[in-house]
Protein backbone atom coordinates (compact mmCIF):
# COMPACT_ATOMS: atom_id res chain seq x y z
CA UNK A 1 71.60 118.40 90.85
CA UNK A 2 72.96 119.67 94.17
CA UNK A 3 76.53 120.46 94.34
CA UNK A 4 78.73 118.72 96.90
CA UNK A 5 79.13 120.29 100.47
CA UNK A 6 82.30 120.62 102.21
CA UNK A 7 83.44 121.29 105.95
CA UNK A 8 85.95 124.10 106.24
CA UNK A 9 89.61 122.73 106.79
CA UNK A 10 90.86 123.65 110.06
CA UNK A 11 94.11 122.07 109.09
CA UNK A 12 94.99 123.85 105.52
CA UNK A 13 97.44 121.90 103.59
CA UNK A 14 100.98 123.49 103.03
CA UNK A 15 103.25 123.02 100.22
CA UNK A 16 105.45 120.57 102.13
CA UNK A 17 102.69 118.24 103.46
CA UNK A 18 101.21 115.55 101.45
CA UNK A 19 97.48 114.96 101.47
CA UNK A 20 95.82 111.56 102.47
CA UNK A 21 92.17 111.25 101.37
CA UNK A 22 89.88 108.66 102.78
CA UNK A 23 86.94 107.78 100.44
CA UNK A 24 84.04 106.15 102.33
CA UNK A 25 81.00 104.68 100.46
CA UNK A 26 78.84 104.65 103.54
CA UNK A 27 78.63 107.52 106.40
CA UNK A 28 77.13 105.36 109.19
CA UNK A 29 78.90 104.86 112.66
CA UNK A 30 79.87 101.44 112.26
CA UNK A 31 83.28 99.84 112.27
CA UNK A 32 84.50 100.64 108.88
CA UNK A 33 83.65 104.32 109.38
CA UNK A 34 85.39 104.33 113.16
CA UNK A 35 88.56 102.89 111.55
CA UNK A 36 88.76 105.38 108.69
CA UNK A 37 88.62 108.14 111.28
CA UNK A 38 91.00 106.45 113.56
CA UNK A 39 93.41 105.93 110.52
CA UNK A 40 93.31 109.49 109.81
CA UNK A 41 93.94 110.55 113.27
CA UNK A 42 97.11 108.24 113.30
CA UNK A 43 98.24 109.92 110.11
CA UNK A 44 97.56 113.46 110.75
CA UNK A 45 100.87 114.41 112.50
CA UNK A 46 102.76 114.00 109.05
CA UNK A 47 99.86 114.58 106.55
CA UNK A 48 97.12 116.72 105.69
CA UNK A 49 93.89 114.44 105.75
CA UNK A 50 90.33 114.68 104.53
CA UNK A 51 87.39 112.51 103.96
CA UNK A 52 84.89 111.96 101.17
CA UNK A 53 81.48 110.07 101.89
CA UNK A 54 77.78 110.56 101.58
CA UNK A 55 75.98 112.54 103.99
CA UNK A 56 75.45 111.00 107.47
CA UNK A 57 76.54 110.41 110.78
CA UNK A 58 80.02 110.39 110.09
CA UNK A 59 79.92 114.09 109.59
CA UNK A 60 79.80 114.66 113.31
CA UNK A 61 82.86 112.79 113.87
CA UNK A 62 85.08 114.74 111.48
CA UNK A 63 83.63 117.87 112.65
CA UNK A 64 84.52 116.90 116.32
CA UNK A 65 87.76 116.06 115.21
CA UNK A 66 88.36 118.82 112.86
CA UNK A 67 88.81 116.44 109.75
CA UNK A 68 87.98 118.16 106.32
CA UNK A 69 85.04 116.46 105.06
CA UNK A 70 83.12 116.65 101.80
CA UNK A 71 79.84 115.00 101.13
CA UNK A 72 78.72 113.62 97.77
CA UNK A 73 75.30 112.45 96.03
CA UNK A 74 76.45 110.94 92.98
CA UNK A 75 79.57 109.35 91.16
CA UNK A 76 79.90 112.51 89.12
CA UNK A 77 80.26 114.59 92.24
CA UNK A 78 83.00 111.93 93.54
CA UNK A 79 85.03 112.60 90.35
CA UNK A 80 84.82 116.35 90.67
CA UNK A 81 85.93 116.10 94.17
CA UNK A 82 89.01 113.71 93.32
CA UNK A 83 89.78 116.00 90.17
CA UNK A 84 90.10 118.82 92.47
CA UNK A 85 92.16 117.02 95.12
CA UNK A 86 94.60 115.98 92.43
CA UNK A 87 94.82 119.62 91.39
CA UNK A 88 95.49 120.86 94.72
CA UNK A 89 98.06 118.56 95.88
CA UNK A 90 101.30 117.26 94.13
CA UNK A 91 101.33 114.26 96.55
CA UNK A 92 98.20 112.39 97.34
CA UNK A 93 97.25 109.39 99.35
CA UNK A 94 94.13 107.72 98.42
CA UNK A 95 92.38 105.30 100.84
CA UNK A 96 89.20 103.67 99.09
CA UNK A 97 86.93 101.21 100.18
CA UNK A 98 84.96 100.53 96.86
CA UNK A 99 86.60 99.37 93.49
CA UNK A 100 84.37 102.03 91.70
CA UNK A 101 86.28 104.59 93.71
CA UNK A 102 89.72 103.10 93.19
CA UNK A 103 89.12 102.99 89.47
CA UNK A 104 88.09 106.47 89.11
CA UNK A 105 91.12 107.80 91.14
CA UNK A 106 93.47 105.87 89.07
CA UNK A 107 91.74 107.07 85.74
CA UNK A 108 91.95 110.77 86.69
CA UNK A 109 95.36 110.62 87.87
CA UNK A 110 96.40 109.17 84.32
CA UNK A 111 95.52 112.87 83.30
CA UNK A 112 96.77 114.92 86.51
CA UNK A 113 99.94 112.67 86.78
CA UNK A 114 100.58 113.21 90.61
CA UNK A 115 102.86 111.24 92.81
CA UNK A 116 100.36 109.11 94.51
CA UNK A 117 99.94 106.09 96.91
CA UNK A 118 96.76 104.29 96.60
CA UNK A 119 95.40 101.79 99.17
CA UNK A 120 92.32 99.87 98.99
CA UNK A 121 91.00 98.70 102.37
CA UNK A 122 88.62 95.56 102.52
CA UNK A 123 86.62 95.26 105.53
CA UNK A 124 84.60 92.44 103.74
CA UNK A 125 82.47 89.97 105.99
CA UNK A 126 78.89 88.65 105.68
CA UNK A 127 78.94 87.15 102.10
CA UNK A 128 80.81 86.50 98.85
CA UNK A 129 79.30 89.86 97.63
CA UNK A 130 81.80 91.77 99.82
CA UNK A 131 84.84 90.11 97.70
CA UNK A 132 83.04 90.11 94.26
CA UNK A 133 85.03 92.36 91.63
CA UNK A 134 88.00 92.89 93.93
CA UNK A 135 90.19 91.04 91.56
CA UNK A 136 89.75 93.77 89.05
CA UNK A 137 92.29 95.73 91.49
CA UNK A 138 94.99 93.37 90.16
CA UNK A 139 95.10 95.84 87.17
CA UNK A 140 95.88 98.87 89.34
CA UNK A 141 99.07 100.24 90.96
CA UNK A 142 97.59 99.78 94.40
CA UNK A 143 98.25 97.85 97.72
CA UNK A 144 95.00 95.71 98.99
CA UNK A 145 94.78 95.92 102.85
CA UNK A 146 92.94 93.27 104.31
CA UNK A 147 91.83 93.95 107.88
CA UNK A 148 92.22 90.16 108.99
CA UNK A 149 94.21 86.93 107.67
CA UNK A 150 90.74 85.49 106.97
CA UNK A 151 89.92 88.62 104.61
CA UNK A 152 93.18 88.09 102.88
CA UNK A 153 92.32 84.45 102.20
CA UNK A 154 88.79 85.30 100.95
CA UNK A 155 90.47 87.97 98.76
CA UNK A 156 92.79 85.38 97.24
CA UNK A 157 90.09 82.91 96.94
CA UNK A 158 88.07 85.33 94.88
CA UNK A 159 91.18 86.15 92.66
CA UNK A 160 93.22 88.84 93.92
CA UNK A 161 96.84 88.53 93.61
CA UNK A 162 98.54 87.25 96.69
CA UNK A 163 101.32 89.80 96.12
CA UNK A 164 99.04 92.61 96.20
CA UNK A 165 97.25 91.82 99.61
CA UNK A 166 98.75 92.99 102.94
CA UNK A 167 96.92 92.30 106.18
CA UNK A 168 96.36 95.58 108.12
CA UNK A 169 94.41 94.90 111.18
CA UNK A 170 91.90 97.03 113.00
CA UNK A 171 93.27 98.92 115.86
CA UNK A 172 91.98 101.46 118.60
CA UNK A 173 93.17 104.96 118.09
CA UNK A 174 95.10 106.77 121.11
CA UNK A 175 92.03 109.11 121.57
CA UNK A 176 89.62 106.19 121.64
CA UNK A 177 91.93 104.25 124.14
CA UNK A 178 91.63 107.15 126.57
CA UNK A 179 87.94 106.79 126.54
CA UNK A 180 88.29 103.03 127.54
CA UNK A 181 89.73 102.73 130.95
CA UNK A 182 90.44 99.03 131.93
CA UNK A 183 88.26 97.76 134.88
CA UNK A 184 89.11 94.17 136.20
CA UNK A 185 86.12 92.01 135.74
CA UNK A 186 83.69 90.86 138.69
CA UNK A 187 84.03 87.95 140.38
CA UNK A 188 81.23 86.01 138.54
CA UNK A 189 79.61 86.57 135.07
CA UNK A 190 76.27 87.65 135.81
CA UNK A 191 75.38 89.75 132.66
CA UNK A 192 76.54 89.42 129.03
CA UNK A 193 76.35 91.61 125.99
CA UNK A 194 76.05 91.23 122.18
CA UNK A 195 76.57 94.28 119.79
CA UNK A 196 76.10 94.22 116.12
CA UNK A 197 73.87 94.71 113.17
CA UNK A 198 70.93 92.39 113.24
CA UNK A 199 71.01 90.74 109.91
CA UNK A 200 71.30 87.02 108.89
CA UNK A 201 75.02 86.93 108.66
CA UNK A 202 75.55 87.99 112.40
CA UNK A 203 73.71 84.74 113.58
CA UNK A 204 72.51 86.29 116.62
CA UNK A 205 69.74 83.52 116.20
CA UNK A 206 72.41 81.23 117.60
CA UNK A 207 72.07 82.75 121.10
CA UNK A 208 68.21 82.37 121.01
CA UNK A 209 68.71 78.63 119.66
CA UNK A 210 71.14 78.13 122.50
CA UNK A 211 68.81 79.40 125.19
CA UNK A 212 65.82 77.28 123.98
CA UNK A 213 67.81 74.18 123.87
CA UNK A 214 69.62 74.73 127.07
CA UNK A 215 67.42 75.99 130.01
CA UNK A 216 70.68 76.34 132.26
CA UNK A 217 71.38 79.35 130.22
CA UNK A 218 68.27 81.31 131.17
CA UNK A 219 69.51 82.64 134.29
CA UNK A 220 72.04 84.95 132.49
CA UNK A 221 70.61 88.11 131.17
CA UNK A 222 71.82 89.27 127.60
CA UNK A 223 71.71 92.95 126.38
CA UNK A 224 71.75 93.03 122.63
CA UNK A 225 72.71 96.41 121.05
CA UNK A 226 72.10 96.90 117.32
CA UNK A 227 69.60 97.61 114.56
CA UNK A 228 68.72 95.91 111.52
CA UNK A 229 66.16 94.00 109.59
CA UNK A 230 65.81 91.19 112.18
CA UNK A 231 65.40 93.35 115.29
CA UNK A 232 61.73 93.04 115.64
CA UNK A 233 61.48 89.06 114.82
CA UNK A 234 64.21 88.64 117.19
CA UNK A 235 62.48 90.74 119.88
CA UNK A 236 59.12 88.80 119.26
CA UNK A 237 60.91 85.58 119.51
CA UNK A 238 62.68 86.51 122.65
CA UNK A 239 59.35 87.42 124.36
CA UNK A 240 57.35 84.58 123.21
CA UNK A 241 60.07 82.13 124.55
CA UNK A 242 60.29 84.25 127.73
CA UNK A 243 64.05 84.41 127.00
CA UNK A 244 66.16 86.95 129.25
CA UNK A 245 67.30 88.90 126.05
CA UNK A 246 66.77 92.47 125.77
CA UNK A 247 67.04 93.94 122.26
CA UNK A 248 67.87 97.61 122.62
CA UNK A 249 68.33 98.47 119.18
CA UNK A 250 70.95 100.92 118.00
CA UNK A 251 72.92 102.98 120.66
CA UNK A 252 75.24 105.55 120.07
CA UNK A 253 76.95 105.17 123.10
CA UNK A 254 77.14 101.37 123.17
CA UNK A 255 80.75 101.49 124.18
CA UNK A 256 79.86 103.03 127.33
CA UNK A 257 77.81 100.12 128.15
CA UNK A 258 80.46 97.49 127.84
CA UNK A 259 81.71 97.92 131.58
CA UNK A 260 78.11 97.00 132.61
CA UNK A 261 78.72 93.34 131.19
CA UNK A 262 80.64 90.42 132.37
CA UNK A 263 80.86 88.58 128.95
CA UNK A 264 81.10 89.87 125.53
CA UNK A 265 79.46 87.31 123.09
CA UNK A 266 80.11 87.30 119.18
CA UNK A 267 78.14 84.85 117.30
CA UNK A 268 78.98 85.79 113.36
CA UNK A 269 81.58 83.36 111.84
CA UNK A 270 82.09 85.43 108.71
CA UNK A 271 82.94 88.64 110.59
CA UNK A 272 86.31 90.06 109.21
CA UNK A 273 87.45 92.03 112.27
CA UNK A 274 84.86 93.60 114.67
CA UNK A 275 86.10 96.67 116.17
CA UNK A 276 83.88 96.45 119.28
CA UNK A 277 85.69 93.21 120.21
CA UNK A 278 88.98 94.98 120.64
CA UNK A 279 86.88 97.50 122.79
CA UNK A 280 85.60 95.08 125.01
CA UNK A 281 89.12 93.50 125.52
CA UNK A 282 90.40 96.88 126.31
CA UNK A 283 87.98 97.61 129.03
CA UNK A 284 88.36 94.33 130.69
CA UNK A 285 85.25 92.33 129.58
CA UNK A 286 86.14 88.55 128.69
CA UNK A 287 85.13 87.86 125.14
CA UNK A 288 83.56 84.34 123.75
CA UNK A 289 84.29 84.22 120.02
CA UNK A 290 83.89 81.62 117.22
CA UNK A 291 86.44 79.52 115.76
CA UNK A 292 85.99 80.87 112.28
CA UNK A 293 86.12 84.06 110.65
CA UNK A 294 88.43 87.12 111.14
CA UNK A 295 87.67 87.73 114.68
CA UNK A 296 89.30 84.62 116.13
CA UNK A 297 92.61 86.33 115.18
CA UNK A 298 92.05 88.93 118.01
CA UNK A 299 92.74 86.40 120.71
CA UNK A 300 95.10 83.62 121.85
CA UNK A 301 92.26 81.15 122.62
CA UNK A 302 92.20 80.33 126.56
CA UNK A 303 94.73 83.20 127.33
CA UNK A 304 93.32 86.44 126.16
CA UNK A 305 89.73 85.13 125.28
CA UNK A 306 87.54 82.00 124.79
CA UNK A 307 86.58 79.95 121.72
CA UNK A 308 83.45 77.94 120.59
CA UNK A 309 82.73 76.07 117.47
CA UNK A 310 81.04 78.39 114.97
CA UNK A 311 77.57 78.17 113.99
CA UNK A 312 76.70 75.52 116.59
CA UNK A 313 74.09 76.68 118.96
CA UNK A 314 75.01 73.89 121.62
CA UNK A 315 78.70 74.55 121.40
CA UNK A 316 77.81 78.58 122.12
CA UNK A 317 75.82 77.44 125.09
CA UNK A 318 78.49 75.21 126.29
CA UNK A 319 81.00 78.06 125.95
CA UNK A 320 78.72 80.61 127.80
CA UNK A 321 78.56 78.04 130.61
CA UNK A 322 82.12 77.50 130.63
CA UNK A 323 82.89 81.35 130.78
CA UNK A 324 80.52 81.49 133.83
CA UNK A 325 82.24 78.79 135.81
CA UNK A 326 85.53 80.35 135.42
CA UNK A 327 87.19 81.38 138.87
CA UNK A 328 87.42 85.15 139.61
CA UNK A 329 91.17 84.82 139.38
CA UNK A 330 91.04 83.26 135.93
CA UNK A 331 88.58 85.82 134.72
CA UNK A 332 91.12 88.36 135.95
CA UNK A 333 93.83 86.71 134.08
CA UNK A 334 92.05 86.56 130.82
CA UNK A 335 90.95 90.25 131.07
CA UNK A 336 94.42 91.39 132.04
CA UNK A 337 96.01 89.43 128.92
CA UNK A 338 93.38 90.60 126.58
CA UNK A 339 94.24 94.47 127.51
CA UNK A 340 98.00 93.61 126.92
CA UNK A 341 97.23 92.06 123.43
CA UNK A 342 95.34 95.34 122.45
CA UNK A 343 98.22 97.31 123.70
CA UNK A 344 100.83 95.28 121.87
CA UNK A 345 99.00 94.38 118.78
CA UNK A 346 95.96 96.43 118.20
CA UNK A 347 96.60 99.84 119.35
CA UNK A 348 97.37 102.91 116.91
CA UNK A 349 100.98 102.69 118.11
CA UNK A 350 101.02 98.97 116.99
CA UNK A 351 98.82 98.84 114.11
CA UNK A 352 98.22 102.28 113.22
CA UNK A 353 101.85 102.65 112.06
CA UNK A 354 101.43 100.46 109.23
CA UNK A 355 99.46 102.98 107.17
CA UNK A 356 102.30 105.42 107.75
CA UNK A 357 104.79 103.13 106.59
CA UNK A 358 102.90 102.35 103.58
CA UNK A 359 102.48 106.03 102.83
CA UNK A 360 106.10 106.90 103.52
CA UNK A 361 106.74 107.57 99.98
CA UNK A 362 104.89 110.64 100.01
CA UNK A 363 107.16 112.35 102.26
CA UNK A 364 110.41 111.22 100.34
CA UNK A 365 112.53 113.60 98.33
CA UNK A 366 110.66 114.48 94.95
CA UNK A 367 111.39 111.93 92.34
CA UNK A 368 111.87 108.98 94.96
CA UNK A 369 110.18 105.75 94.36
CA UNK A 370 106.47 106.51 95.60
CA UNK A 371 104.87 103.15 95.64
CA UNK A 372 103.85 100.99 98.69
CA UNK A 373 106.61 98.90 100.12
CA UNK A 374 105.78 95.22 101.05
CA UNK A 375 108.47 95.10 103.61
CA UNK A 376 107.03 98.30 105.22
CA UNK A 377 105.13 95.91 107.65
CA UNK A 378 108.08 93.65 108.44
CA UNK A 379 108.49 95.53 111.91
CA UNK A 380 105.07 95.12 113.01
CA UNK A 381 103.72 92.36 115.11
CA UNK A 382 102.79 89.10 113.39
CA UNK A 383 99.10 89.53 112.93
CA UNK A 384 99.93 92.77 110.57
CA UNK A 385 101.89 90.75 108.41
CA UNK A 386 100.65 88.99 105.12
CA UNK A 387 99.96 85.09 105.91
C-alpha cells in the first residue's frame, strides 16, 4: 500500500497557534473544493491551516497558496493522518464534508482528547443521496454548516436536528475578488453563458427545450462550459437542432470567460449554492436563476438578479426574452446591485467571518469552553443565519 504524501508546510505550526484542517472527499476544481481553499485563506491569519484530500487538481491550488496538503488513497491513510494531526496539535479545528471522516475524527479524539471544534459542511445538491446519513451527525459534538437555507431545510427533512444546523453561505475570497474586476454590462444582451457539470440534475436540457419550443430565442448564442456524462448527448442534440449553443467542455479558466457574456443562465432547481453565480454577479453579468433550490437566495428578485419558474422550459425561455428586452439603464442597475450584494453579504469579510467566529474557542485561554457557539452568527447578514 503506498504511503500518503504530504506537501512541505511553509507555514509551520507554533505552540500558540491552533490548527484547522479541511478534509475533502474529492480533489476536483469545483465549487466545494474552491470554497474549502477560500475558507482556509480566510482563517490563516489566526490559525495554521492544512488540507487532506485524494490526489488531484486541488493540489495545484494548495501549492500555489502555500497551504500544507496531504493526499490519501484509503480510509486507513485518512485515519493515520488524523491521528498524527491530533498528536501534533493541542487545539484542532476539523472541517469535514463526509460523515465517515467526521466519525473517524470524533473516534480518534476520544483517545487523543484534544481541544477540538468540529464543523461538518454540507454542499448537498442534485438528489436526496447528498443528505442521506447526515442525521447520524446528531450523535456527534459537531456543528453542521449548510451552504444555503435550502440545504438547511433538506437536512432537517432528512432528520438532522434543527439546533445543530447553521447556514454558512458560500463567499468569494479576498484574493479571488481581486481577480474579478467589475465591468458595467453592455447595452444589450447579445451572448449568454451557462457554467456547470453536465449531468441530469443540472437540467441544461431545459435550455435546449426552450430553444426548440421558442424559435425567437435562436438569435442568442449561448456558451456552455462544463464536462459530465451528458456532454456529448447535448452536443449532438444542439447540432441536430441547429441551435446556437456551443458546448466547450470543462474549462480551467472559465471565470475569465464570464465578462464575455451579457447574461448568466442557471438551470438547476436542486443546486445548493453555486459559487460561479456569485462570481458572475461580481463581474457585472446579470443572472437568471430558477425560483427553487439554494441559488435563488443569492439575489433579490428584480433588484440584483432575475427569476423564472424552475423546471419549466417555456418559463426559462420567457425569462431569457425578458432579460434581453431590458434597457441599458436597467441592466446597469441590476449589475450594480448584484455587485453590492456580493460585497455586503457574500464577501470574505461578510460571510467568511462566520468560520472564524465558530472556531474562536480554539484561541480562548486554556480550559475555556471550546464548542461552537450558535450566537456566533448573530452579527452576520441575515442569509448567514439559521432560518
